[in-house]
N, C-alpha and C. Protein backbone atom coordinates (compact mmCIF):
# COMPACT_ATOMS: atom_id res chain seq x y z
N SER A 1 0.82 -1.21 0.00
CA SER A 1 0.00 0.00 0.00
C SER A 1 0.86 1.26 0.00
N GLY A 2 2.15 1.07 0.21
CA GLY A 2 3.05 2.21 0.22
C GLY A 2 3.11 2.92 1.56
N SER A 3 2.46 2.39 2.58
CA SER A 3 2.46 3.05 3.88
C SER A 3 3.42 2.41 4.88
N GLN A 4 4.16 1.38 4.43
CA GLN A 4 5.07 0.71 5.34
C GLN A 4 6.53 0.92 4.92
N LEU A 5 7.39 0.87 5.94
CA LEU A 5 8.82 1.09 5.77
C LEU A 5 9.55 -0.01 6.51
N VAL A 6 10.66 -0.52 5.94
CA VAL A 6 11.48 -1.51 6.63
C VAL A 6 12.83 -0.87 6.95
N THR A 7 13.34 -1.14 8.17
CA THR A 7 14.64 -0.59 8.57
C THR A 7 15.51 -1.69 9.16
N SER A 8 16.81 -1.51 9.00
CA SER A 8 17.80 -2.40 9.62
C SER A 8 18.43 -1.64 10.77
N SER A 9 19.02 -2.41 11.73
CA SER A 9 19.51 -1.75 12.93
C SER A 9 20.76 -2.41 13.49
N GLY A 10 21.55 -1.61 14.17
CA GLY A 10 22.72 -2.11 14.88
C GLY A 10 22.37 -2.98 16.07
N ASP A 11 21.10 -2.98 16.48
CA ASP A 11 20.68 -3.81 17.61
C ASP A 11 20.29 -5.23 17.19
N THR A 12 20.61 -5.62 15.98
CA THR A 12 20.41 -6.96 15.38
C THR A 12 19.00 -7.19 14.86
N THR A 13 18.15 -6.18 14.84
CA THR A 13 16.77 -6.38 14.41
C THR A 13 16.47 -5.74 13.06
N VAL A 14 15.38 -6.21 12.48
CA VAL A 14 14.75 -5.60 11.31
C VAL A 14 13.36 -5.19 11.78
N ARG A 15 12.97 -3.97 11.47
CA ARG A 15 11.67 -3.48 11.94
C ARG A 15 10.81 -3.01 10.77
N ILE A 16 9.54 -3.33 10.88
CA ILE A 16 8.53 -2.86 9.93
C ILE A 16 7.76 -1.75 10.61
N TRP A 17 7.70 -0.62 9.92
CA TRP A 17 7.01 0.56 10.46
C TRP A 17 5.80 0.86 9.59
N ASP A 18 4.72 1.25 10.21
CA ASP A 18 3.53 1.67 9.48
C ASP A 18 3.42 3.19 9.63
N CYS A 19 3.60 3.88 8.53
CA CYS A 19 3.60 5.35 8.57
C CYS A 19 2.23 5.91 8.94
N SER A 20 1.16 5.22 8.52
CA SER A 20 -0.17 5.74 8.86
C SER A 20 -0.47 5.57 10.35
N LYS A 21 0.12 4.53 10.98
CA LYS A 21 -0.07 4.31 12.42
C LYS A 21 1.03 4.98 13.24
N ARG A 22 2.03 5.50 12.53
CA ARG A 22 3.13 6.23 13.16
C ARG A 22 3.88 5.41 14.20
N GLY A 23 4.17 4.14 13.84
CA GLY A 23 4.91 3.33 14.79
C GLY A 23 5.35 2.00 14.21
N CYS A 24 6.16 1.30 14.99
CA CYS A 24 6.66 -0.02 14.61
C CYS A 24 5.54 -1.04 14.80
N ILE A 25 5.30 -1.86 13.79
CA ILE A 25 4.26 -2.88 13.89
C ILE A 25 4.82 -4.29 13.96
N LEU A 26 6.12 -4.45 13.67
CA LEU A 26 6.72 -5.78 13.71
C LEU A 26 8.23 -5.66 13.89
N THR A 27 8.79 -6.44 14.80
CA THR A 27 10.23 -6.52 14.99
C THR A 27 10.66 -7.95 14.69
N LEU A 28 11.60 -8.10 13.76
CA LEU A 28 12.11 -9.41 13.35
C LEU A 28 13.49 -9.61 13.99
N GLU A 29 13.62 -10.68 14.75
CA GLU A 29 14.87 -10.96 15.46
C GLU A 29 15.43 -12.30 15.01
N GLY A 30 16.76 -12.37 14.89
CA GLY A 30 17.39 -13.63 14.51
C GLY A 30 18.84 -13.49 14.10
N HIS A 31 19.26 -12.29 13.77
CA HIS A 31 20.67 -12.07 13.45
C HIS A 31 21.48 -11.98 14.75
N ALA A 32 22.74 -12.39 14.67
CA ALA A 32 23.62 -12.38 15.84
C ALA A 32 24.38 -11.06 16.00
N HIS A 33 24.48 -10.30 14.92
CA HIS A 33 25.19 -9.02 14.94
C HIS A 33 24.38 -7.97 14.18
N ALA A 34 24.91 -6.77 14.08
CA ALA A 34 24.22 -5.65 13.44
C ALA A 34 23.69 -6.03 12.05
N VAL A 35 22.53 -5.49 11.72
CA VAL A 35 21.94 -5.66 10.40
C VAL A 35 22.22 -4.39 9.60
N TRP A 36 22.97 -4.53 8.50
CA TRP A 36 23.43 -3.37 7.73
C TRP A 36 22.42 -2.90 6.69
N ASP A 37 21.61 -3.82 6.16
CA ASP A 37 20.74 -3.45 5.04
C ASP A 37 19.53 -4.36 5.01
N CYS A 38 18.46 -3.88 4.37
CA CYS A 38 17.27 -4.69 4.18
C CYS A 38 16.55 -4.23 2.92
N SER A 39 15.70 -5.11 2.40
CA SER A 39 15.04 -4.83 1.13
C SER A 39 13.69 -5.53 1.06
N TRP A 40 12.66 -4.83 0.56
CA TRP A 40 11.35 -5.43 0.33
C TRP A 40 11.37 -6.23 -0.97
N HIS A 41 10.64 -7.33 -1.01
CA HIS A 41 10.35 -8.01 -2.27
C HIS A 41 9.22 -7.24 -2.94
N SER A 42 9.15 -7.26 -4.26
CA SER A 42 8.15 -6.48 -4.99
C SER A 42 6.71 -6.89 -4.66
N CYS A 43 6.49 -8.13 -4.19
CA CYS A 43 5.13 -8.55 -3.82
C CYS A 43 4.70 -7.97 -2.47
N GLY A 44 5.67 -7.53 -1.67
CA GLY A 44 5.37 -6.93 -0.38
C GLY A 44 5.26 -7.91 0.77
N ASP A 45 5.38 -9.21 0.52
CA ASP A 45 5.23 -10.21 1.57
C ASP A 45 6.54 -10.67 2.19
N PHE A 46 7.66 -10.28 1.60
CA PHE A 46 8.95 -10.74 2.08
C PHE A 46 9.94 -9.59 2.20
N VAL A 47 10.84 -9.74 3.17
CA VAL A 47 11.93 -8.80 3.38
C VAL A 47 13.22 -9.60 3.44
N ALA A 48 14.28 -9.06 2.86
CA ALA A 48 15.61 -9.67 2.96
C ALA A 48 16.48 -8.77 3.82
N SER A 49 17.36 -9.39 4.60
CA SER A 49 18.26 -8.61 5.47
C SER A 49 19.69 -9.10 5.34
N ALA A 50 20.64 -8.19 5.50
CA ALA A 50 22.07 -8.47 5.40
C ALA A 50 22.74 -8.07 6.71
N SER A 51 23.60 -8.95 7.23
CA SER A 51 24.13 -8.72 8.57
C SER A 51 25.64 -8.87 8.68
N MET A 52 26.15 -8.25 9.72
CA MET A 52 27.56 -8.36 10.08
C MET A 52 27.90 -9.79 10.55
N ASP A 53 26.89 -10.62 10.81
CA ASP A 53 27.13 -12.01 11.24
C ASP A 53 27.44 -12.95 10.06
N ASN A 54 27.70 -12.37 8.88
CA ASN A 54 28.07 -13.09 7.64
C ASN A 54 26.89 -13.80 7.00
N THR A 55 25.67 -13.53 7.43
CA THR A 55 24.50 -14.17 6.84
C THR A 55 23.52 -13.14 6.30
N SER A 56 22.62 -13.66 5.47
CA SER A 56 21.46 -12.90 5.01
C SER A 56 20.24 -13.74 5.34
N LYS A 57 19.12 -13.08 5.51
CA LYS A 57 17.89 -13.81 5.84
C LYS A 57 16.75 -13.33 4.95
N ILE A 58 15.83 -14.27 4.68
CA ILE A 58 14.58 -13.95 4.01
C ILE A 58 13.48 -14.10 5.06
N TRP A 59 12.74 -13.03 5.27
CA TRP A 59 11.69 -12.98 6.29
C TRP A 59 10.33 -13.00 5.63
N ASP A 60 9.43 -13.82 6.13
CA ASP A 60 8.04 -13.87 5.69
C ASP A 60 7.25 -12.93 6.60
N ILE A 61 6.76 -11.85 6.06
CA ILE A 61 6.08 -10.84 6.86
C ILE A 61 4.75 -11.37 7.39
N ASN A 62 4.06 -12.19 6.61
CA ASN A 62 2.75 -12.70 7.04
C ASN A 62 2.86 -13.65 8.23
N SER A 63 3.86 -14.54 8.21
CA SER A 63 4.03 -15.47 9.34
C SER A 63 4.94 -14.90 10.42
N GLU A 64 5.57 -13.76 10.12
CA GLU A 64 6.45 -13.06 11.06
C GLU A 64 7.64 -13.91 11.49
N ARG A 65 8.21 -14.66 10.54
CA ARG A 65 9.36 -15.50 10.88
C ARG A 65 10.37 -15.54 9.73
N CYS A 66 11.55 -16.02 10.06
CA CYS A 66 12.60 -16.19 9.06
C CYS A 66 12.30 -17.45 8.24
N ARG A 67 12.27 -17.30 6.93
CA ARG A 67 12.05 -18.44 6.04
C ARG A 67 13.36 -19.15 5.70
N TYR A 68 14.40 -18.36 5.41
CA TYR A 68 15.68 -18.91 4.99
C TYR A 68 16.82 -18.07 5.57
N THR A 69 17.90 -18.75 5.90
CA THR A 69 19.15 -18.07 6.25
C THR A 69 20.16 -18.48 5.20
N MET A 70 20.76 -17.48 4.55
CA MET A 70 21.72 -17.73 3.48
C MET A 70 23.13 -17.54 4.03
N CYS A 71 23.90 -18.63 4.01
CA CYS A 71 25.29 -18.62 4.50
C CYS A 71 26.21 -18.87 3.32
N GLY A 72 27.37 -18.29 3.33
CA GLY A 72 28.31 -18.50 2.25
C GLY A 72 29.37 -17.41 2.17
N HIS A 73 29.04 -16.23 2.61
CA HIS A 73 30.04 -15.17 2.64
C HIS A 73 30.99 -15.40 3.81
N LYS A 74 32.24 -15.00 3.63
CA LYS A 74 33.26 -15.19 4.65
C LYS A 74 33.46 -13.97 5.55
N ASP A 75 32.69 -12.92 5.28
CA ASP A 75 32.78 -11.69 6.08
C ASP A 75 31.40 -11.05 6.09
N SER A 76 31.29 -9.92 6.71
CA SER A 76 30.04 -9.19 6.85
C SER A 76 29.31 -9.03 5.52
N VAL A 77 28.00 -9.27 5.52
CA VAL A 77 27.18 -9.00 4.34
C VAL A 77 26.67 -7.57 4.50
N ASN A 78 27.07 -6.71 3.56
CA ASN A 78 26.84 -5.28 3.73
C ASN A 78 25.63 -4.72 2.99
N SER A 79 25.20 -5.41 1.93
CA SER A 79 24.01 -4.93 1.22
C SER A 79 23.26 -6.09 0.63
N ILE A 80 21.97 -5.87 0.42
CA ILE A 80 21.09 -6.91 -0.11
C ILE A 80 19.98 -6.25 -0.91
N GLU A 81 19.59 -6.91 -1.99
CA GLU A 81 18.54 -6.35 -2.84
C GLU A 81 17.84 -7.48 -3.59
N PHE A 82 16.51 -7.48 -3.56
CA PHE A 82 15.74 -8.37 -4.44
C PHE A 82 15.81 -7.81 -5.84
N LEU A 83 16.07 -8.64 -6.84
CA LEU A 83 15.93 -8.20 -8.21
C LEU A 83 14.45 -8.03 -8.49
N PRO A 84 14.06 -6.98 -9.23
CA PRO A 84 12.63 -6.69 -9.42
C PRO A 84 11.85 -7.87 -10.02
N PHE A 85 10.71 -8.16 -9.41
CA PHE A 85 9.75 -9.15 -9.90
C PHE A 85 10.37 -10.53 -10.09
N SER A 86 11.28 -10.92 -9.17
CA SER A 86 11.88 -12.25 -9.23
C SER A 86 12.17 -12.73 -7.82
N SER A 87 12.62 -13.97 -7.72
CA SER A 87 12.99 -14.52 -6.42
C SER A 87 14.50 -14.48 -6.22
N THR A 88 15.20 -13.73 -7.07
CA THR A 88 16.65 -13.64 -6.99
C THR A 88 17.05 -12.50 -6.07
N VAL A 89 18.03 -12.80 -5.21
CA VAL A 89 18.55 -11.82 -4.26
C VAL A 89 20.03 -11.61 -4.55
N LEU A 90 20.47 -10.37 -4.55
CA LEU A 90 21.88 -10.01 -4.73
C LEU A 90 22.44 -9.53 -3.40
N THR A 91 23.57 -10.10 -2.98
CA THR A 91 24.24 -9.64 -1.77
C THR A 91 25.66 -9.21 -2.11
N SER A 92 26.17 -8.26 -1.33
CA SER A 92 27.58 -7.88 -1.44
C SER A 92 28.17 -7.97 -0.04
N SER A 93 29.46 -8.33 0.01
CA SER A 93 30.09 -8.62 1.29
C SER A 93 31.43 -7.93 1.43
N ALA A 94 31.86 -7.77 2.68
CA ALA A 94 33.20 -7.26 2.97
C ALA A 94 34.28 -8.24 2.52
N ASP A 95 33.90 -9.49 2.18
CA ASP A 95 34.87 -10.44 1.64
C ASP A 95 35.17 -10.18 0.16
N LYS A 96 34.64 -9.06 -0.35
CA LYS A 96 34.87 -8.58 -1.72
C LYS A 96 34.23 -9.45 -2.77
N THR A 97 33.08 -10.06 -2.43
CA THR A 97 32.33 -10.85 -3.40
C THR A 97 30.89 -10.37 -3.48
N LEU A 98 30.28 -10.68 -4.62
CA LEU A 98 28.86 -10.53 -4.83
C LEU A 98 28.29 -11.93 -4.97
N SER A 99 27.09 -12.15 -4.48
CA SER A 99 26.44 -13.46 -4.64
C SER A 99 25.01 -13.26 -5.09
N LEU A 100 24.57 -14.17 -5.97
CA LEU A 100 23.16 -14.22 -6.38
C LEU A 100 22.57 -15.47 -5.71
N TRP A 101 21.39 -15.30 -5.12
CA TRP A 101 20.72 -16.37 -4.39
C TRP A 101 19.31 -16.53 -4.93
N ASP A 102 18.80 -17.76 -4.93
CA ASP A 102 17.40 -18.00 -5.23
C ASP A 102 16.67 -18.04 -3.89
N ALA A 103 15.84 -17.05 -3.62
CA ALA A 103 15.18 -16.92 -2.33
C ALA A 103 14.18 -18.04 -2.06
N ARG A 104 13.84 -18.81 -3.07
CA ARG A 104 12.91 -19.92 -2.86
C ARG A 104 13.59 -21.13 -2.29
N THR A 105 14.92 -21.20 -2.43
CA THR A 105 15.65 -22.38 -1.96
C THR A 105 16.65 -21.92 -0.94
C-alpha cells in the first residue's frame, strides 16, 4: 500500500514501520550481529536482510518469521537487494564478493 517502511539496525533487528499508524508494527529478530541493510520483495510479503554475522535472511512478513538463512560469505554481508519481480537476491560482502541467491531455496 506504500504506507510501510522496513529498517535495519545495529541492535540486530529488522523493523517494519507503518507510517499511517506512526509506529513499529513488527520486529524481526534472529541475526547475531548488526543488520546493515534490508530490502522489500516487490510482492510486499517478504523482506531480505544483510548482517555483520556473515548471513542474510529472508523474512516472511505474514508469518512473522525467518524463512531462509543464506550462508556463504566469509565476512560481513553489507548490502542486499531483491531483483525486481523475481525470487533472486543479490548480496555484497566485505569479503569482496557478490552473490546471487534463489530466495525460494
